[in-house]
Amino acid sequence: MVIVTCIRCLITKNYESAAICILSLILFLIPAFLEDVLDLTIPPFFEAIIFAFIFAAEILGEINHYYVKIPGWDTILHTLNGFLFAAV
């Protein structure tokens, strides 16, 4: 989805959003990198929460303008993720 969004942004010449897509892809790699470097194990459910948060915040929120279209998107996103992190 992120790669498709990046291609869409490049086609529409929205280079700032394409850069956000590339940075999001880099953010997706950080948990695996930390697992390798620090020799720790991140539970798959916790990793899925991290990926969902990055996708919801950057791709949906920033690029698809959910922060503007949906009132309270930021509050919903951070509250939900706070509860999920606390539960894990």
N, C-alpha and C. Protein backbone atom coordinates (compact mmCIF):
# COMPACT_ATOMS: atom_id res chain seq x y z
N MET A 1 0.82 -1.20 0.00
CA MET A 1 0.00 0.00 0.00
C MET A 1 0.87 1.26 0.00
N VAL A 2 1.95 1.22 0.76
CA VAL A 2 2.81 2.40 0.82
C VAL A 2 3.51 2.63 -0.52
N ILE A 3 3.94 1.55 -1.15
CA ILE A 3 4.61 1.69 -2.44
C ILE A 3 3.63 2.18 -3.50
N VAL A 4 2.41 1.68 -3.47
CA VAL A 4 1.38 2.14 -4.41
C VAL A 4 1.09 3.62 -4.17
N THR A 5 1.01 4.03 -2.92
CA THR A 5 0.79 5.43 -2.59
C THR A 5 1.95 6.29 -3.06
N CYS A 6 3.16 5.77 -2.91
CA CYS A 6 4.35 6.50 -3.36
C CYS A 6 4.33 6.69 -4.88
N ILE A 7 3.97 5.65 -5.59
CA ILE A 7 3.88 5.75 -7.05
C ILE A 7 2.80 6.75 -7.46
N ARG A 8 1.68 6.71 -6.75
CA ARG A 8 0.60 7.67 -7.04
C ARG A 8 1.07 9.10 -6.81
N CYS A 9 1.83 9.30 -5.73
CA CYS A 9 2.35 10.64 -5.43
C CYS A 9 3.35 11.10 -6.49
N LEU A 10 4.17 10.18 -6.97
CA LEU A 10 5.12 10.55 -8.02
C LEU A 10 4.43 10.88 -9.32
N ILE A 11 3.37 10.13 -9.65
CA ILE A 11 2.62 10.40 -10.88
C ILE A 11 1.94 11.76 -10.82
N THR A 12 1.41 12.10 -9.65
CA THR A 12 0.73 13.38 -9.49
C THR A 12 1.70 14.51 -9.14
N LYS A 13 3.00 14.21 -9.17
CA LYS A 13 4.07 15.18 -8.90
C LYS A 13 3.96 15.79 -7.50
N ASN A 14 3.51 14.98 -6.56
CA ASN A 14 3.45 15.40 -5.16
C ASN A 14 4.68 14.82 -4.46
N TYR A 15 5.81 15.50 -4.65
CA TYR A 15 7.09 14.95 -4.21
C TYR A 15 7.25 14.95 -2.69
N GLU A 16 6.63 15.88 -2.02
CA GLU A 16 6.70 15.89 -0.55
C GLU A 16 6.04 14.64 0.03
N SER A 17 4.89 14.26 -0.50
CA SER A 17 4.21 13.05 -0.03
C SER A 17 4.98 11.80 -0.43
N ALA A 18 5.64 11.82 -1.58
CA ALA A 18 6.47 10.68 -1.98
C ALA A 18 7.63 10.52 -1.01
N ALA A 19 8.20 11.62 -0.55
CA ALA A 19 9.28 11.56 0.44
C ALA A 19 8.77 10.99 1.76
N ILE A 20 7.55 11.35 2.14
CA ILE A 20 6.96 10.79 3.36
C ILE A 20 6.77 9.29 3.21
N CYS A 21 6.38 8.84 2.03
CA CYS A 21 6.24 7.40 1.78
C CYS A 21 7.58 6.69 1.94
N ILE A 22 8.62 7.26 1.39
CA ILE A 22 9.95 6.65 1.50
C ILE A 22 10.40 6.63 2.95
N LEU A 23 10.17 7.71 3.67
CA LEU A 23 10.52 7.73 5.10
C LEU A 23 9.70 6.72 5.89
N SER A 24 8.44 6.52 5.50
CA SER A 24 7.61 5.51 6.16
C SER A 24 8.16 4.11 5.93
N LEU A 25 8.61 3.85 4.72
CA LEU A 25 9.21 2.55 4.43
C LEU A 25 10.47 2.33 5.28
N ILE A 26 11.24 3.38 5.47
CA ILE A 26 12.42 3.28 6.34
C ILE A 26 12.00 3.01 7.78
N LEU A 27 10.93 3.67 8.22
CA LEU A 27 10.42 3.43 9.58
C LEU A 27 9.96 1.99 9.76
N PHE A 28 9.41 1.41 8.69
CA PHE A 28 8.99 0.00 8.76
C PHE A 28 10.17 -0.94 8.96
N LEU A 29 11.35 -0.54 8.55
CA LEU A 29 12.53 -1.38 8.68
C LEU A 29 13.19 -1.30 10.07
N ILE A 30 12.89 -0.26 10.81
CA ILE A 30 13.57 -0.05 12.09
C ILE A 30 13.34 -1.18 13.10
N PRO A 31 12.13 -1.72 13.29
CA PRO A 31 12.00 -2.82 14.26
C PRO A 31 12.87 -4.03 13.92
N ALA A 32 12.92 -4.41 12.66
CA ALA A 32 13.77 -5.54 12.26
C ALA A 32 15.24 -5.22 12.48
N PHE A 33 15.63 -3.99 12.18
CA PHE A 33 17.01 -3.57 12.40
C PHE A 33 17.37 -3.62 13.89
N LEU A 34 16.47 -3.14 14.74
CA LEU A 34 16.72 -3.18 16.18
C LEU A 34 16.79 -4.61 16.70
N GLU A 35 15.96 -5.49 16.16
CA GLU A 35 16.01 -6.89 16.57
C GLU A 35 17.37 -7.50 16.24
N ASP A 36 17.90 -7.17 15.08
CA ASP A 36 19.19 -7.73 14.68
C ASP A 36 20.35 -7.12 15.47
N VAL A 37 20.36 -5.82 15.59
CA VAL A 37 21.49 -5.14 16.22
C VAL A 37 21.52 -5.36 17.73
N LEU A 38 20.36 -5.23 18.37
CA LEU A 38 20.31 -5.34 19.83
C LEU A 38 20.03 -6.75 20.32
N ASP A 39 19.85 -7.68 19.39
CA ASP A 39 19.58 -9.08 19.73
C ASP A 39 18.41 -9.22 20.70
N LEU A 40 17.30 -8.61 20.32
CA LEU A 40 16.09 -8.74 21.11
C LEU A 40 14.95 -9.19 20.23
N THR A 41 13.88 -9.61 20.86
CA THR A 41 12.73 -10.10 20.11
C THR A 41 11.53 -9.20 20.38
N ILE A 42 10.99 -8.64 19.33
CA ILE A 42 9.78 -7.84 19.44
C ILE A 42 8.62 -8.77 19.11
N PRO A 43 7.64 -8.89 20.02
CA PRO A 43 6.49 -9.77 19.74
C PRO A 43 5.77 -9.34 18.45
N PRO A 44 5.32 -10.31 17.68
CA PRO A 44 4.67 -9.98 16.39
C PRO A 44 3.46 -9.05 16.54
N PHE A 45 2.68 -9.22 17.59
CA PHE A 45 1.52 -8.35 17.77
C PHE A 45 1.96 -6.91 18.03
N PHE A 46 3.00 -6.73 18.83
CA PHE A 46 3.53 -5.41 19.12
C PHE A 46 4.10 -4.78 17.84
N GLU A 47 4.75 -5.58 17.03
CA GLU A 47 5.30 -5.10 15.77
C GLU A 47 4.16 -4.69 14.82
N ALA A 48 3.08 -5.45 14.82
CA ALA A 48 1.92 -5.11 13.98
C ALA A 48 1.31 -3.78 14.42
N ILE A 49 1.27 -3.54 15.73
CA ILE A 49 0.75 -2.27 16.24
C ILE A 49 1.63 -1.12 15.77
N ILE A 50 2.93 -1.31 15.81
CA ILE A 50 3.86 -0.28 15.36
C ILE A 50 3.63 0.03 13.88
N PHE A 51 3.52 -1.03 13.06
CA PHE A 51 3.31 -0.83 11.63
C PHE A 51 1.97 -0.15 11.36
N ALA A 52 0.94 -0.55 12.07
CA ALA A 52 -0.38 0.06 11.88
C ALA A 52 -0.36 1.54 12.26
N PHE A 53 0.34 1.87 13.33
CA PHE A 53 0.43 3.26 13.75
C PHE A 53 1.17 4.10 12.71
N ILE A 54 2.28 3.60 12.21
CA ILE A 54 3.04 4.32 11.19
C ILE A 54 2.17 4.53 9.95
N PHE A 55 1.48 3.47 9.52
CA PHE A 55 0.63 3.58 8.34
C PHE A 55 -0.51 4.58 8.57
N ALA A 56 -1.16 4.48 9.72
CA ALA A 56 -2.29 5.36 9.99
C ALA A 56 -1.85 6.82 10.13
N ALA A 57 -0.72 7.04 10.77
CA ALA A 57 -0.27 8.42 10.99
C ALA A 57 0.28 9.04 9.71
N GLU A 58 1.16 8.34 9.04
CA GLU A 58 1.84 8.93 7.89
C GLU A 58 1.05 8.82 6.59
N ILE A 59 0.63 7.63 6.25
CA ILE A 59 -0.02 7.43 4.96
C ILE A 59 -1.45 7.95 4.99
N LEU A 60 -2.23 7.48 5.96
CA LEU A 60 -3.62 7.94 6.03
C LEU A 60 -3.70 9.38 6.52
N GLY A 61 -3.01 9.68 7.60
CA GLY A 61 -3.12 11.00 8.21
C GLY A 61 -2.53 12.12 7.38
N GLU A 62 -1.27 11.97 7.01
CA GLU A 62 -0.58 13.05 6.30
C GLU A 62 -0.91 13.07 4.80
N ILE A 63 -0.71 11.95 4.15
CA ILE A 63 -0.84 11.94 2.68
C ILE A 63 -2.30 11.97 2.24
N ASN A 64 -3.15 11.20 2.88
CA ASN A 64 -4.57 11.17 2.50
C ASN A 64 -5.41 12.17 3.28
N HIS A 65 -4.76 13.01 4.07
CA HIS A 65 -5.40 14.15 4.75
C HIS A 65 -6.49 13.75 5.74
N TYR A 66 -6.32 12.60 6.40
CA TYR A 66 -7.30 12.20 7.41
C TYR A 66 -7.28 13.15 8.60
N TYR A 67 -6.15 13.81 8.85
CA TYR A 67 -6.10 14.78 9.94
C TYR A 67 -7.06 15.93 9.69
N VAL A 68 -7.32 16.24 8.43
CA VAL A 68 -8.24 17.32 8.08
C VAL A 68 -9.65 16.79 7.86
N LYS A 69 -9.77 15.64 7.18
CA LYS A 69 -11.08 15.10 6.80
C LYS A 69 -11.86 14.55 7.99
N ILE A 70 -11.16 13.93 8.94
CA ILE A 70 -11.84 13.29 10.07
C ILE A 70 -11.52 14.06 11.34
N PRO A 71 -12.52 14.73 11.90
CA PRO A 71 -12.27 15.48 13.13
C PRO A 71 -11.83 14.53 14.25
N GLY A 72 -10.76 14.90 14.92
CA GLY A 72 -10.28 14.09 16.03
C GLY A 72 -9.42 12.91 15.61
N TRP A 73 -8.98 12.84 14.34
CA TRP A 73 -8.17 11.71 13.88
C TRP A 73 -6.92 11.54 14.74
N ASP A 74 -6.26 12.63 15.05
CA ASP A 74 -5.05 12.58 15.84
C ASP A 74 -5.34 12.04 17.24
N THR A 75 -6.41 12.51 17.84
CA THR A 75 -6.79 12.05 19.18
C THR A 75 -7.17 10.58 19.17
N ILE A 76 -7.95 10.17 18.19
CA ILE A 76 -8.35 8.76 18.07
C ILE A 76 -7.13 7.87 17.88
N LEU A 77 -6.25 8.27 16.99
CA LEU A 77 -5.06 7.49 16.67
C LEU A 77 -4.16 7.31 17.89
N HIS A 78 -3.87 8.39 18.57
CA HIS A 78 -2.96 8.30 19.71
C HIS A 78 -3.61 7.64 20.93
N THR A 79 -4.88 7.85 21.14
CA THR A 79 -5.56 7.19 22.24
C THR A 79 -5.63 5.69 22.03
N LEU A 80 -6.02 5.28 20.84
CA LEU A 80 -6.11 3.86 20.52
C LEU A 80 -4.76 3.17 20.65
N ASN A 81 -3.73 3.79 20.10
CA ASN A 81 -2.41 3.18 20.19
C ASN A 81 -1.87 3.19 21.62
N GLY A 82 -2.21 4.18 22.39
CA GLY A 82 -1.81 4.20 23.81
C GLY A 82 -2.41 3.03 24.56
N PHE A 83 -3.69 2.77 24.33
CA PHE A 83 -4.34 1.64 24.98
C PHE A 83 -3.76 0.30 24.50
N LEU A 84 -3.48 0.20 23.20
CA LEU A 84 -2.91 -1.05 22.68
C LEU A 84 -1.51 -1.29 23.23
N PHE A 85 -0.69 -0.25 23.30
CA PHE A 85 0.65 -0.43 23.86
C PHE A 85 0.59 -0.80 25.33
N ALA A 86 -0.33 -0.20 26.06
CA ALA A 86 -0.48 -0.52 27.48
C ALA A 86 -0.95 -1.97 27.66
N ALA A 87 -1.82 -2.43 26.76
CA ALA A 87 -2.33 -3.80 26.87
C ALA A 87 -1.23 -4.82 26.58
N VAL A 88 -0.33 -4.49 25.67
CA VAL A 88 0.74 -5.42 25.33
C VAL A 88 1.76 -5.40 26.45
